[in-house]
Amino acid sequence: MEAKEILKSHIAKIVSLTDEQFDYFFSHFKKGSFKKGQAIISANDLVDCEYFVVSGCLKSFYINDDLKMFILQFAMPTWWASDYNALYNHTKATIDVDCITDAEVLCLTNDDREKLCKEIHNVEHFFRWRTNKGFVAAQKRLLSFMNNNVKYRYEEFLNLYPEVYNIVPKNLIAAYLGVSRETLSRLYHPEK
């Protein structure tokens, strides 16, 4: 399926747009192709786009002063990724976004998103829905970190994102769960 059809199907699950409205909406996106390991956003970059994943898998992550990686998000097809703090507040990026696999994305600038939201009510509704859904997911993840042990978080991850588990290297899943690779290995290869 082409990028345009994937985005159209994704939007149609939430709101209705006429063909003319969708064509206008789609005209504001730019296609991007990235290779495995390639950076899309690096810390200290100025960020003016968010990225809709057409194919492949991205990761959003932060590396602290001790060079420990913390994964904020994996982004599979039909998911969105960016450094939203930098995007919305016009500051330099504090997180990185790169490609776990080769990836095709559609880029939408912050200015174009705001313009489209003002012009087409259903586009505004879609982005509000998407933002709310993302906030709820982030809140649930934070509460899980505060209340659940690593075994529970690991099983929760497997249940919520089985497709991610099969694509993403285990060291990155460990970074997402906030544990070492060795701890993760014990969870999926328990001793008898």
C-alpha atoms as a PDB file:
ATOM      1  CA  MET A   1       0.000   0.000   0.000  1.00  0.00           C
ATOM      2  CA  GLU A   2       1.255   3.491  -0.828  1.00  0.00           C
ATOM      3  CA  ALA A   3       2.074   6.062   1.852  1.00  0.00           C
ATOM      4  CA  LYS A   4      -0.955   8.162   0.917  1.00  0.00           C
ATOM      5  CA  GLU A   5      -3.336   5.216   1.338  1.00  0.00           C
ATOM      6  CA  ILE A   6      -1.755   4.171   4.653  1.00  0.00           C
ATOM      7  CA  LEU A   7      -2.197   7.688   6.063  1.00  0.00           C
ATOM      8  CA  LYS A   8      -5.734   7.945   4.666  1.00  0.00           C
ATOM      9  CA  SER A   9      -6.729   4.650   6.286  1.00  0.00           C
ATOM     10  CA  HIS A  10      -5.150   5.746   9.577  1.00  0.00           C
ATOM     11  CA  ILE A  11      -7.032   9.075   9.627  1.00  0.00           C
ATOM     12  CA  ALA A  12     -10.318   7.452   8.525  1.00  0.00           C
ATOM     13  CA  LYS A  13     -10.367   5.305  11.687  1.00  0.00           C
ATOM     14  CA  ILE A  14     -10.910   8.511  13.696  1.00  0.00           C
ATOM     15  CA  VAL A  15     -12.438  11.184  11.444  1.00  0.00           C
ATOM     16  CA  SER A  16     -14.048  11.569   8.038  1.00  0.00           C
ATOM     17  CA  LEU A  17     -12.448  13.764   5.417  1.00  0.00           C
ATOM     18  CA  THR A  18     -13.712  14.290   1.902  1.00  0.00           C
ATOM     19  CA  ASP A  19     -11.318  13.199  -0.842  1.00  0.00           C
ATOM     20  CA  GLU A  20     -10.634  16.873  -1.541  1.00  0.00           C
ATOM     21  CA  GLN A  21      -9.890  17.588   2.140  1.00  0.00           C
ATOM     22  CA  PHE A  22      -7.617  14.574   2.425  1.00  0.00           C
ATOM     23  CA  ASP A  23      -5.715  15.462  -0.767  1.00  0.00           C
ATOM     24  CA  TYR A  24      -5.160  18.964   0.618  1.00  0.00           C
ATOM     25  CA  PHE A  25      -4.108  17.516   3.992  1.00  0.00           C
ATOM     26  CA  PHE A  26      -1.719  15.041   2.337  1.00  0.00           C
ATOM     27  CA  SER A  27      -0.177  17.798   0.170  1.00  0.00           C
ATOM     28  CA  HIS A  28       1.421  19.227   3.345  1.00  0.00           C
ATOM     29  CA  PHE A  29       3.466  16.082   4.044  1.00  0.00           C
ATOM     30  CA  LYS A  30       6.943  15.362   2.698  1.00  0.00           C
ATOM     31  CA  LYS A  31       8.150  11.812   2.152  1.00  0.00           C
ATOM     32  CA  GLY A  32      11.357  10.687   3.814  1.00  0.00           C
ATOM     33  CA  SER A  33      13.431   7.508   3.542  1.00  0.00           C
ATOM     34  CA  PHE A  34      15.945   6.510   6.183  1.00  0.00           C
ATOM     35  CA  LYS A  35      18.335   3.592   6.581  1.00  0.00           C
ATOM     36  CA  LYS A  36      18.701   1.353   9.614  1.00  0.00           C
ATOM     37  CA  GLY A  37      20.667   3.236  12.275  1.00  0.00           C
ATOM     38  CA  GLN A  38      20.200   6.615  10.594  1.00  0.00           C
ATOM     39  CA  ALA A  39      19.322   9.562  12.832  1.00  0.00           C
ATOM     40  CA  ILE A  40      16.166  11.535  12.111  1.00  0.00           C
ATOM     41  CA  ILE A  41      16.489  13.862  15.112  1.00  0.00           C
ATOM     42  CA  SER A  42      19.655  14.294  17.176  1.00  0.00           C
ATOM     43  CA  ALA A  43      20.002  16.020  20.545  1.00  0.00           C
ATOM     44  CA  ASN A  44      20.453  19.792  20.104  1.00  0.00           C
ATOM     45  CA  ASP A  45      18.781  19.819  16.673  1.00  0.00           C
ATOM     46  CA  LEU A  46      16.070  22.339  15.987  1.00  0.00           C
ATOM     47  CA  VAL A  47      12.891  20.321  15.455  1.00  0.00           C
ATOM     48  CA  ASP A  48      10.186  21.495  13.071  1.00  0.00           C
ATOM     49  CA  CYS A  49       8.521  18.189  12.069  1.00  0.00           C
ATOM     50  CA  GLU A  50       6.719  15.202  13.420  1.00  0.00           C
ATOM     51  CA  TYR A  51       6.982  11.914  11.587  1.00  0.00           C
ATOM     52  CA  PHE A  52       4.248   9.476  10.603  1.00  0.00           C
ATOM     53  CA  VAL A  53       5.760   6.016  10.135  1.00  0.00           C
ATOM     54  CA  VAL A  54       4.717   4.394   6.856  1.00  0.00           C
ATOM     55  CA  SER A  55       7.048   1.402   7.162  1.00  0.00           C
ATOM     56  CA  GLY A  56       9.860   0.297   9.422  1.00  0.00           C
ATOM     57  CA  CYS A  57      10.484   1.021  13.080  1.00  0.00           C
ATOM     58  CA  LEU A  58      11.854   4.100  14.852  1.00  0.00           C
ATOM     59  CA  LYS A  59      12.950   4.687  18.417  1.00  0.00           C
ATOM     60  CA  SER A  60      12.857   7.863  20.494  1.00  0.00           C
ATOM     61  CA  PHE A  61      15.502   7.862  23.205  1.00  0.00           C
ATOM     62  CA  TYR A  62      17.547   9.874  25.673  1.00  0.00           C
ATOM     63  CA  ILE A  63      21.155   9.269  26.687  1.00  0.00           C
ATOM     64  CA  ASN A  64      22.085  10.629  30.107  1.00  0.00           C
ATOM     65  CA  ASP A  65      25.451  11.977  31.296  1.00  0.00           C
ATOM     66  CA  ASP A  66      26.510   8.447  32.283  1.00  0.00           C
ATOM     67  CA  LEU A  67      25.829   7.331  28.696  1.00  0.00           C
ATOM     68  CA  LYS A  68      22.871   5.206  29.748  1.00  0.00           C
ATOM     69  CA  MET A  69      20.116   4.978  27.125  1.00  0.00           C
ATOM     70  CA  PHE A  70      16.460   5.383  28.038  1.00  0.00           C
ATOM     71  CA  ILE A  71      13.943   4.505  25.328  1.00  0.00           C
ATOM     72  CA  LEU A  72      10.836   6.660  25.386  1.00  0.00           C
ATOM     73  CA  GLN A  73       9.030   5.144  22.437  1.00  0.00           C
ATOM     74  CA  PHE A  74       9.177   2.641  19.639  1.00  0.00           C
ATOM     75  CA  ALA A  75       7.253   3.784  16.561  1.00  0.00           C
ATOM     76  CA  MET A  76       5.870   1.171  14.198  1.00  0.00           C
ATOM     77  CA  PRO A  77       3.812   1.794  11.026  1.00  0.00           C
ATOM     78  CA  THR A  78       0.937   4.258  11.616  1.00  0.00           C
ATOM     79  CA  TRP A  79       2.594   5.593  14.790  1.00  0.00           C
ATOM     80  CA  TRP A  80       3.971   9.121  15.126  1.00  0.00           C
ATOM     81  CA  ALA A  81       7.312  10.241  16.553  1.00  0.00           C
ATOM     82  CA  SER A  82       9.197  13.439  17.279  1.00  0.00           C
ATOM     83  CA  ASP A  83      10.758  15.375  20.131  1.00  0.00           C
ATOM     84  CA  TYR A  84       7.455  16.999  21.039  1.00  0.00           C
ATOM     85  CA  ASN A  85       8.908  19.326  23.644  1.00  0.00           C
ATOM     86  CA  ALA A  86      11.303  20.756  21.070  1.00  0.00           C
ATOM     87  CA  LEU A  87       8.611  20.787  18.364  1.00  0.00           C
ATOM     88  CA  TYR A  88       5.940  22.603  20.372  1.00  0.00           C
ATOM     89  CA  ASN A  89       8.201  24.902  22.402  1.00  0.00           C
ATOM     90  CA  HIS A  90      10.690  25.771  19.636  1.00  0.00           C
ATOM     91  CA  THR A  91      13.653  24.580  21.688  1.00  0.00           C
ATOM     92  CA  LYS A  92      16.569  22.346  20.798  1.00  0.00           C
ATOM     93  CA  ALA A  93      15.990  18.596  20.883  1.00  0.00           C
ATOM     94  CA  THR A  94      16.743  16.766  24.097  1.00  0.00           C
ATOM     95  CA  ILE A  95      15.888  13.353  22.680  1.00  0.00           C
ATOM     96  CA  ASP A  96      17.055  11.497  19.612  1.00  0.00           C
ATOM     97  CA  VAL A  97      14.928   9.674  17.064  1.00  0.00           C
ATOM     98  CA  ASP A  98      16.563   7.097  14.820  1.00  0.00           C
ATOM     99  CA  CYS A  99      15.768   4.022  12.767  1.00  0.00           C
ATOM    100  CA  ILE A 100      15.825   0.491  14.132  1.00  0.00           C
ATOM    101  CA  THR A 101      15.116  -0.733  10.598  1.00  0.00           C
ATOM    102  CA  ASP A 102      14.999   0.960   7.211  1.00  0.00           C
ATOM    103  CA  ALA A 103      12.014   3.286   7.391  1.00  0.00           C
ATOM    104  CA  GLU A 104       9.685   5.334   5.226  1.00  0.00           C
ATOM    105  CA  VAL A 105       8.043   8.305   6.916  1.00  0.00           C
ATOM    106  CA  LEU A 106       5.827  11.260   6.151  1.00  0.00           C
ATOM    107  CA  CYS A 107       6.991  14.538   7.700  1.00  0.00           C
ATOM    108  CA  LEU A 108       4.567  17.260   8.769  1.00  0.00           C
ATOM    109  CA  THR A 109       5.841  20.598  10.018  1.00  0.00           C
ATOM    110  CA  ASN A 110       4.454  22.131  13.166  1.00  0.00           C
ATOM    111  CA  ASP A 111       3.342  25.219  11.197  1.00  0.00           C
ATOM    112  CA  ASP A 112       1.511  23.100   8.619  1.00  0.00           C
ATOM    113  CA  ARG A 113      -0.201  21.037  11.326  1.00  0.00           C
ATOM    114  CA  GLU A 114      -1.416  24.217  13.040  1.00  0.00           C
ATOM    115  CA  LYS A 115      -2.595  25.659   9.718  1.00  0.00           C
ATOM    116  CA  LEU A 116      -4.468  22.466   8.836  1.00  0.00           C
ATOM    117  CA  CYS A 117      -6.088  22.327  12.281  1.00  0.00           C
ATOM    118  CA  LYS A 118      -7.409  25.871  11.814  1.00  0.00           C
ATOM    119  CA  GLU A 119      -8.698  25.157   8.317  1.00  0.00           C
ATOM    120  CA  ILE A 120     -10.286  21.699   8.747  1.00  0.00           C
ATOM    121  CA  HIS A 121     -12.154  20.955  11.970  1.00  0.00           C
ATOM    122  CA  ASN A 122     -11.867  17.166  11.575  1.00  0.00           C
ATOM    123  CA  VAL A 123      -8.084  17.450  11.226  1.00  0.00           C
ATOM    124  CA  GLU A 124      -7.987  19.364  14.512  1.00  0.00           C
ATOM    125  CA  HIS A 125     -10.183  16.664  16.063  1.00  0.00           C
ATOM    126  CA  PHE A 126      -7.840  13.941  14.788  1.00  0.00           C
ATOM    127  CA  PHE A 127      -4.724  15.580  16.228  1.00  0.00           C
ATOM    128  CA  ARG A 128      -6.449  16.268  19.551  1.00  0.00           C
ATOM    129  CA  TRP A 129      -7.546  12.607  19.703  1.00  0.00           C
ATOM    130  CA  ARG A 130      -4.028  11.438  18.862  1.00  0.00           C
ATOM    131  CA  THR A 131      -2.412  13.724  21.437  1.00  0.00           C
ATOM    132  CA  ASN A 132      -4.854  12.597  24.118  1.00  0.00           C
ATOM    133  CA  LYS A 133      -4.231   8.938  23.289  1.00  0.00           C
ATOM    134  CA  GLY A 134      -0.469   9.501  23.513  1.00  0.00           C
ATOM    135  CA  PHE A 135      -0.800  11.285  26.841  1.00  0.00           C
ATOM    136  CA  VAL A 136      -2.882   8.440  28.292  1.00  0.00           C
ATOM    137  CA  ALA A 137      -0.341   5.845  27.078  1.00  0.00           C
ATOM    138  CA  ALA A 138       2.547   7.832  28.609  1.00  0.00           C
ATOM    139  CA  GLN A 139       0.662   8.166  31.890  1.00  0.00           C
ATOM    140  CA  LYS A 140      -0.059   4.423  32.002  1.00  0.00           C
ATOM    141  CA  ARG A 141       3.589   3.642  31.300  1.00  0.00           C
ATOM    142  CA  LEU A 142       4.766   5.981  34.060  1.00  0.00           C
ATOM    143  CA  LEU A 143       2.318   4.456  36.546  1.00  0.00           C
ATOM    144  CA  SER A 144       3.487   0.976  35.553  1.00  0.00           C
ATOM    145  CA  PHE A 145       7.106   2.016  36.218  1.00  0.00           C
ATOM    146  CA  MET A 146       6.129   3.346  39.636  1.00  0.00           C
ATOM    147  CA  ASN A 147       3.934   0.419  40.684  1.00  0.00           C
ATOM    148  CA  ASN A 148       5.035  -2.766  38.922  1.00  0.00           C
ATOM    149  CA  ASN A 149       8.101  -4.946  39.026  1.00  0.00           C
ATOM    150  CA  VAL A 150      10.132  -5.601  35.895  1.00  0.00           C
ATOM    151  CA  LYS A 151       8.561  -9.018  35.257  1.00  0.00           C
ATOM    152  CA  TYR A 152       5.099  -7.456  35.170  1.00  0.00           C
ATOM    153  CA  ARG A 153       6.305  -4.571  32.919  1.00  0.00           C
ATOM    154  CA  TYR A 154       7.938  -7.091  30.567  1.00  0.00           C
ATOM    155  CA  GLU A 155       4.741  -9.149  30.288  1.00  0.00           C
ATOM    156  CA  GLU A 156       2.709  -5.965  29.839  1.00  0.00           C
ATOM    157  CA  PHE A 157       5.044  -4.916  27.007  1.00  0.00           C
ATOM    158  CA  LEU A 158       4.634  -8.320  25.307  1.00  0.00           C
ATOM    159  CA  ASN A 159       0.833  -8.084  25.543  1.00  0.00           C
ATOM    160  CA  LEU A 160       0.618  -4.475  24.340  1.00  0.00           C
ATOM    161  CA  TYR A 161       3.229  -4.602  21.573  1.00  0.00           C
ATOM    162  CA  PRO A 162       3.805  -8.171  20.331  1.00  0.00           C
ATOM    163  CA  GLU A 163       4.799  -6.909  16.867  1.00  0.00           C
ATOM    164  CA  VAL A 164       7.503  -4.675  18.387  1.00  0.00           C
ATOM    165  CA  TYR A 165       8.993  -7.554  20.363  1.00  0.00           C
ATOM    166  CA  ASN A 166       9.703  -9.496  17.154  1.00  0.00           C
ATOM    167  CA  ILE A 167      11.460  -6.573  15.417  1.00  0.00           C
ATOM    168  CA  VAL A 168      13.338  -4.718  18.126  1.00  0.00           C
ATOM    169  CA  PRO A 169      16.667  -6.029  19.476  1.00  0.00           C
ATOM    170  CA  LYS A 170      16.435  -7.243  23.085  1.00  0.00           C
ATOM    171  CA  ASN A 171      18.978  -4.681  24.373  1.00  0.00           C
ATOM    172  CA  LEU A 172      16.603  -1.919  23.206  1.00  0.00           C
ATOM    173  CA  ILE A 173      13.627  -3.603  24.863  1.00  0.00           C
ATOM    174  CA  ALA A 174      15.708  -3.718  28.055  1.00  0.00           C
ATOM    175  CA  ALA A 175      16.393   0.038  27.717  1.00  0.00           C
ATOM    176  CA  TYR A 176      12.651   0.629  27.235  1.00  0.00           C
ATOM    177  CA  LEU A 177      11.873  -1.363  30.391  1.00  0.00           C
ATOM    178  CA  GLY A 178      14.669   0.339  32.351  1.00  0.00           C
ATOM    179  CA  VAL A 179      16.638  -2.846  33.040  1.00  0.00           C
ATOM    180  CA  SER A 180      19.913  -4.404  31.958  1.00  0.00           C
ATOM    181  CA  ARG A 181      20.085  -6.786  29.013  1.00  0.00           C
ATOM    182  CA  GLU A 182      21.043  -9.553  31.468  1.00  0.00           C
ATOM    183  CA  THR A 183      17.907  -8.957  33.565  1.00  0.00           C
ATOM    184  CA  LEU A 184      15.764  -9.095  30.450  1.00  0.00           C
ATOM    185  CA  SER A 185      17.469 -12.307  29.364  1.00  0.00           C
ATOM    186  CA  ARG A 186      16.533 -13.929  32.695  1.00  0.00           C
ATOM    187  CA  LEU A 187      12.898 -12.941  32.115  1.00  0.00           C
ATOM    188  CA  TYR A 188      12.556 -14.636  28.749  1.00  0.00           C
ATOM    189  CA  HIS A 189      14.923 -17.525  29.536  1.00  0.00           C
ATOM    190  CA  PRO A 190      14.023 -18.330  33.143  1.00  0.00           C
ATOM    191  CA  GLU A 191      16.184 -20.942  34.838  1.00  0.00           C
ATOM    192  CA  LYS A 192      14.515 -24.267  35.408  1.00  0.00           C
END
